[in-house]
Protein backbone atom coordinates (compact mmCIF):
# COMPACT_ATOMS: atom_id res chain seq x y z
CA MET A 1 0.01 80.31 32.30
CA THR A 2 2.84 82.82 32.07
CA MET A 3 4.36 84.04 35.31
CA SER A 4 5.01 87.70 35.89
CA PRO A 5 8.67 88.74 35.66
CA THR A 6 8.26 90.70 38.87
CA LEU A 7 8.01 89.18 42.32
CA SER A 8 4.77 87.25 42.04
CA HIS A 9 2.10 87.22 44.72
CA GLY A 10 -1.29 85.68 45.23
CA TYR A 11 -0.27 82.06 44.72
CA ALA A 12 -1.90 79.49 46.89
CA ALA A 13 0.14 78.21 49.79
CA ALA A 14 -0.09 74.62 48.53
CA ARG A 15 3.32 73.09 48.01
CA PRO A 16 4.57 73.44 44.42
CA ALA A 17 5.27 70.19 42.63
CA VAL A 18 8.89 69.15 42.16
CA ARG A 19 10.25 67.54 39.03
CA PRO A 20 12.55 64.53 38.66
CA ILE A 21 16.06 65.86 38.01
CA GLY A 22 19.36 64.21 37.17
CA ILE A 23 23.04 64.89 36.69
CA PRO A 24 22.43 66.71 33.36
CA ASP A 25 20.28 69.21 35.28
CA LEU A 26 23.12 69.83 37.74
CA LYS A 27 25.56 70.38 34.89
CA ALA A 28 23.14 72.76 33.18
CA ALA A 29 22.58 74.71 36.42
CA LEU A 30 26.32 75.06 37.00
CA SER A 31 26.84 76.14 33.40
CA ARG A 32 24.14 78.80 33.73
CA GLY A 33 25.67 79.85 37.04
CA VAL A 34 29.06 80.41 35.41
CA ASP A 35 27.37 82.31 32.59
CA ASP A 36 25.58 84.60 35.05
CA PHE A 37 28.79 85.23 36.96
CA LEU A 38 30.69 86.15 33.80
CA ALA A 39 27.85 88.40 32.67
CA MET A 40 27.53 90.19 36.04
CA PRO A 41 30.93 90.07 37.79
CA THR A 42 30.95 93.66 39.01
CA HIS A 43 27.46 93.29 40.42
CA VAL A 44 28.20 90.24 42.56
CA LEU A 45 31.55 91.24 44.00
CA PHE A 46 29.94 93.40 46.67
CA VAL A 47 27.72 90.46 47.64
CA VAL A 48 30.57 87.98 48.15
CA LEU A 49 33.33 90.28 49.38
CA ILE A 50 32.28 89.63 52.96
CA TYR A 51 33.07 85.92 52.64
CA PRO A 52 36.86 86.11 52.26
CA ILE A 53 36.93 88.94 54.80
CA ALA A 54 34.86 86.90 57.24
CA GLY A 55 37.12 83.91 56.67
CA VAL A 56 40.21 85.89 57.60
CA ILE A 57 38.44 87.35 60.65
CA ILE A 58 37.36 83.89 61.77
CA ALA A 59 40.92 82.62 61.49
CA ALA A 60 42.39 85.66 63.27
CA VAL A 61 39.90 85.53 66.16
CA THR A 62 40.43 81.81 66.53
CA PHE A 63 44.19 82.16 66.75
CA ASP A 64 44.04 85.18 69.09
CA GLN A 65 41.63 83.48 71.48
CA ASN A 66 43.52 80.19 71.43
CA LEU A 67 40.40 78.46 70.14
CA VAL A 68 42.15 76.63 67.35
CA PRO A 69 39.89 73.53 67.63
CA ILE A 70 36.83 75.56 66.67
CA LEU A 71 38.38 76.97 63.48
CA PHE A 72 37.26 74.09 61.25
CA PRO A 73 33.69 74.01 62.65
CA LEU A 74 33.45 77.78 62.13
CA ALA A 75 34.84 77.69 58.60
CA SER A 76 32.83 74.70 57.45
CA GLY A 77 29.67 75.67 59.33
CA PHE A 78 29.79 79.14 57.82
CA ALA A 79 28.64 77.52 54.57
CA LEU A 80 25.42 76.39 56.28
CA ILE A 81 24.09 79.95 56.24
CA GLY A 82 25.40 80.62 52.72
CA PRO A 83 22.00 80.03 51.03
CA PHE A 84 20.53 82.94 52.99
CA ALA A 85 23.49 85.22 52.22
CA ALA A 86 23.10 84.40 48.51
CA ILE A 87 19.72 86.17 48.27
CA GLY A 88 21.24 88.88 46.09
CA LEU A 89 22.68 86.34 43.69
CA TYR A 90 19.32 84.58 43.26
CA GLU A 91 17.64 87.90 42.57
CA LEU A 92 20.25 88.96 40.00
CA SER A 93 19.85 85.65 38.15
CA ARG A 94 16.07 86.03 38.27
CA ARG A 95 16.24 89.54 36.86
CA ARG A 96 18.68 88.56 34.13
CA GLU A 97 16.45 85.61 33.19
CA TRP A 98 13.51 87.99 32.72
CA GLY A 99 15.55 90.67 30.96
CA LEU A 100 15.18 93.12 33.85
CA PRO A 101 17.86 95.61 35.02
CA THR A 102 20.58 93.91 37.06
CA ALA A 103 22.11 96.84 38.91
CA TRP A 104 23.60 96.00 42.30
CA THR A 105 20.95 98.19 43.92
CA ASP A 106 18.35 95.63 42.82
CA ALA A 107 20.10 92.65 44.38
CA TYR A 108 18.30 92.79 47.71
CA ALA A 109 14.88 93.77 46.42
CA PRO A 110 13.42 90.53 47.87
CA LEU A 111 14.09 91.83 51.39
CA LYS A 112 11.74 94.72 50.64
CA ALA A 113 9.01 92.49 49.23
CA ARG A 114 6.09 90.83 51.01
CA SER A 115 8.09 87.61 51.19
CA ALA A 116 10.84 89.25 53.27
CA ARG A 117 9.53 87.89 56.56
CA ALA A 118 9.44 84.34 55.20
CA ILE A 119 12.97 84.68 53.81
CA VAL A 120 14.23 85.89 57.19
CA ALA A 121 12.43 82.97 58.87
CA VAL A 122 14.34 80.48 56.71
CA GLY A 123 17.52 82.39 57.51
CA VAL A 124 16.81 81.99 61.22
CA VAL A 125 16.37 78.24 60.76
CA LEU A 126 19.74 78.03 59.00
CA ALA A 127 21.36 80.13 61.73
CA LEU A 128 20.00 77.73 64.36
CA VAL A 129 21.42 74.78 62.40
CA PHE A 130 24.77 76.59 62.31
CA LEU A 131 24.74 77.21 66.07
CA ALA A 132 23.73 73.61 66.75
CA TRP A 133 26.65 72.43 64.63
CA LEU A 134 29.08 74.58 66.61
CA CYS A 135 27.74 73.24 69.88
CA ALA A 136 27.95 69.65 68.66
CA ALA A 137 31.49 70.14 67.33
CA MET A 138 32.74 71.68 70.56
CA GLY A 139 30.95 69.05 72.63
CA LEU A 140 32.72 66.35 70.65
CA TYR A 141 36.08 68.07 71.14
CA TRP A 142 35.54 68.46 74.89
CA ALA A 143 34.47 64.81 75.14
CA LEU A 144 37.78 63.73 73.60
CA TYR A 145 40.17 66.41 74.87
CA GLY A 146 38.52 68.00 77.88
CA SER A 147 40.08 71.35 78.70
CA GLU A 148 43.38 70.50 77.02
CA SER A 149 44.79 73.34 74.92
CA HIS A 150 47.34 73.47 72.10
CA ALA A 151 50.26 75.82 71.65
CA SER A 152 49.54 76.51 67.98
CA VAL A 153 47.44 75.45 65.04
CA PHE A 154 50.37 73.32 63.86
CA ALA A 155 50.57 71.49 67.17
CA PHE A 156 46.84 70.83 67.04
CA ALA A 157 47.06 69.62 63.43
CA GLU A 158 49.86 67.22 64.36
CA GLU A 159 47.83 65.88 67.28
CA VAL A 160 44.74 65.36 65.13
CA LEU A 161 46.56 63.75 62.21
CA THR A 162 48.90 61.42 64.09
CA THR A 163 47.01 60.07 67.12
CA PRO A 164 44.06 57.69 67.53
CA ARG A 165 42.21 60.36 69.50
CA GLY A 166 42.72 62.80 66.65
CA TRP A 167 41.51 60.26 64.11
CA ALA A 168 38.41 59.70 66.21
CA LEU A 169 37.81 63.46 66.21
CA ILE A 170 38.12 63.58 62.41
CA LEU A 171 35.83 60.58 61.86
CA LEU A 172 33.13 61.53 64.33
CA GLY A 173 33.36 65.23 63.46
CA ASN A 174 32.82 64.54 59.79
CA LEU A 175 29.89 62.22 60.50
CA VAL A 176 28.23 64.85 62.69
CA GLY A 177 29.01 67.53 60.12
CA LEU A 178 27.47 65.38 57.40
CA ALA A 179 24.25 65.13 59.39
CA PHE A 180 24.02 68.90 59.81
CA SER A 181 24.89 69.42 56.14
CA LEU A 182 22.01 67.16 55.11
CA ILE A 183 19.65 69.12 57.34
CA ALA A 184 20.80 72.41 55.82
CA LEU A 185 20.52 70.97 52.30
CA ALA A 186 16.98 69.78 52.96
CA VAL A 187 15.95 73.15 54.39
CA SER A 188 17.60 75.42 51.85
CA ALA A 189 18.10 73.58 48.54
CA VAL A 190 15.40 75.64 46.81
CA SER A 191 13.44 77.29 49.64
CA ILE A 192 14.84 80.81 49.37
CA PRO A 193 14.75 80.96 45.54
CA LEU A 194 11.14 79.79 45.79
CA LEU A 195 10.32 82.59 48.25
CA ILE A 196 11.94 85.13 45.94
CA ASP A 197 9.98 83.83 42.98
CA ARG A 198 6.54 83.28 44.54
CA ASP A 199 4.31 84.39 47.37
CA VAL A 200 4.47 81.34 49.64
CA ASP A 201 5.17 81.04 53.35
CA ALA A 202 8.41 79.79 54.90
CA GLY A 203 6.90 76.43 55.87
CA THR A 204 5.74 75.74 52.31
CA ALA A 205 9.13 76.74 50.92
CA ILE A 206 10.99 74.43 53.31
CA GLU A 207 8.50 71.63 52.63
CA THR A 208 9.16 72.00 48.89
CA SER A 209 12.90 71.88 49.45
CA VAL A 210 12.59 68.75 51.60
CA ALA A 211 10.35 67.14 48.96
CA LEU A 212 12.99 67.80 46.29
CA LEU A 213 15.60 65.99 48.37
CA ARG A 214 13.20 63.15 49.18
CA GLU A 215 12.16 62.61 45.56
CA ASN A 216 15.62 63.09 44.02
CA PRO A 217 17.95 61.76 46.73
CA ARG A 218 20.88 60.71 44.54
CA THR A 219 20.87 63.86 42.45
CA MET A 220 20.54 66.19 45.43
CA LEU A 221 23.21 64.35 47.42
CA THR A 222 25.46 64.70 44.39
CA TRP A 223 24.64 68.41 44.35
CA GLY A 224 25.55 68.62 48.02
CA LEU A 225 28.90 66.94 47.34
CA ILE A 226 29.57 69.32 44.44
CA VAL A 227 28.82 72.32 46.64
CA ALA A 228 31.00 70.99 49.47
CA GLY A 229 33.88 70.22 47.12
CA LEU A 230 33.80 73.64 45.48
CA LEU A 231 33.60 75.37 48.86
CA VAL A 232 36.66 73.46 50.08
CA LEU A 233 38.56 74.53 46.96
CA GLY A 234 37.47 78.11 47.55
CA MET A 235 38.63 78.03 51.18
CA LEU A 236 42.11 76.70 50.47
CA PRO A 237 43.74 79.98 49.36
CA LEU A 238 42.81 81.81 52.59
CA PHE A 239 39.12 81.86 51.61
CA VAL A 240 39.84 84.18 48.64
CA GLY A 241 38.61 81.58 46.14
CA LEU A 242 35.14 81.93 47.63
CA ALA A 243 34.83 85.25 45.78
CA VAL A 244 34.39 83.14 42.63
CA VAL A 245 32.97 79.89 43.99
CA LEU A 246 30.12 81.47 45.98
CA PRO A 247 28.61 83.62 43.23
CA VAL A 248 28.77 80.72 40.77
CA LEU A 249 27.02 78.43 43.27
CA GLY A 250 24.49 81.12 44.13
CA HIS A 251 23.53 81.69 40.51
CA ALA A 252 23.56 77.94 39.82
CA THR A 253 21.18 77.35 42.73
CA TRP A 254 18.65 79.68 41.16
CA HIS A 255 18.80 77.76 37.89
CA LEU A 256 18.57 74.44 39.73
CA TYR A 257 15.41 75.72 41.38
CA ARG A 258 13.95 76.68 38.01
CA ARG A 259 14.63 73.18 36.66
CA ALA A 260 13.47 71.35 39.78
CA VAL A 261 10.22 73.12 40.77
CA GLU A 262 7.15 73.25 38.56
CA ALA A 263 6.16 76.72 37.37
């Protein structure tokens, strides 16, 4: 049965089947993501411009408020809500795949569709994961440092990198961050692309995403590592690299969904 190139509705709420996927599928999705980005660069810039700007604002607010310890949790946790912010990228890839117009005005068409409420619901779940991560990160810092403050980001970096207490913060912080990253991956791996593509509810979309991780654990964990590694590279030059990394990952996620979920 051929699916309609427009936002499809009327599908049963039963969870779509997921396919076995491997490393070749990840490579193909990334390749298609790069191809979409090169084909539609002017259309995606407005979508991702907020990321480098937000990164600079996060850094500035952190320094001004002497909240240096929360800078890393903010910067890294910001990626947890990235799948929701990439709605426009998924839609542009979908439209290009079907040969539809890909003007920037079409990027957020899903938010006007019947599935908008479900998409927002998934976004709320990701926002709650993000807030929980911030609370956990600050709780860990307070457990190790109490109310102690640092004169500058350099002083804090020296403390973290050269003392046993700092090493404990790095180790435990990364373990906690890994747990939240796995939760976000399970929730959002393909849930929002699925909601854009079909008329299902938020619970079914999240269930499908979790099933993909459960049935392809090695491949999806590898995908999570690829995403994390590319995001780190994008953050290094004052977050500016995210203007390329994020659209590529957004487009690639759409193509991963198309390879991973049965039509």
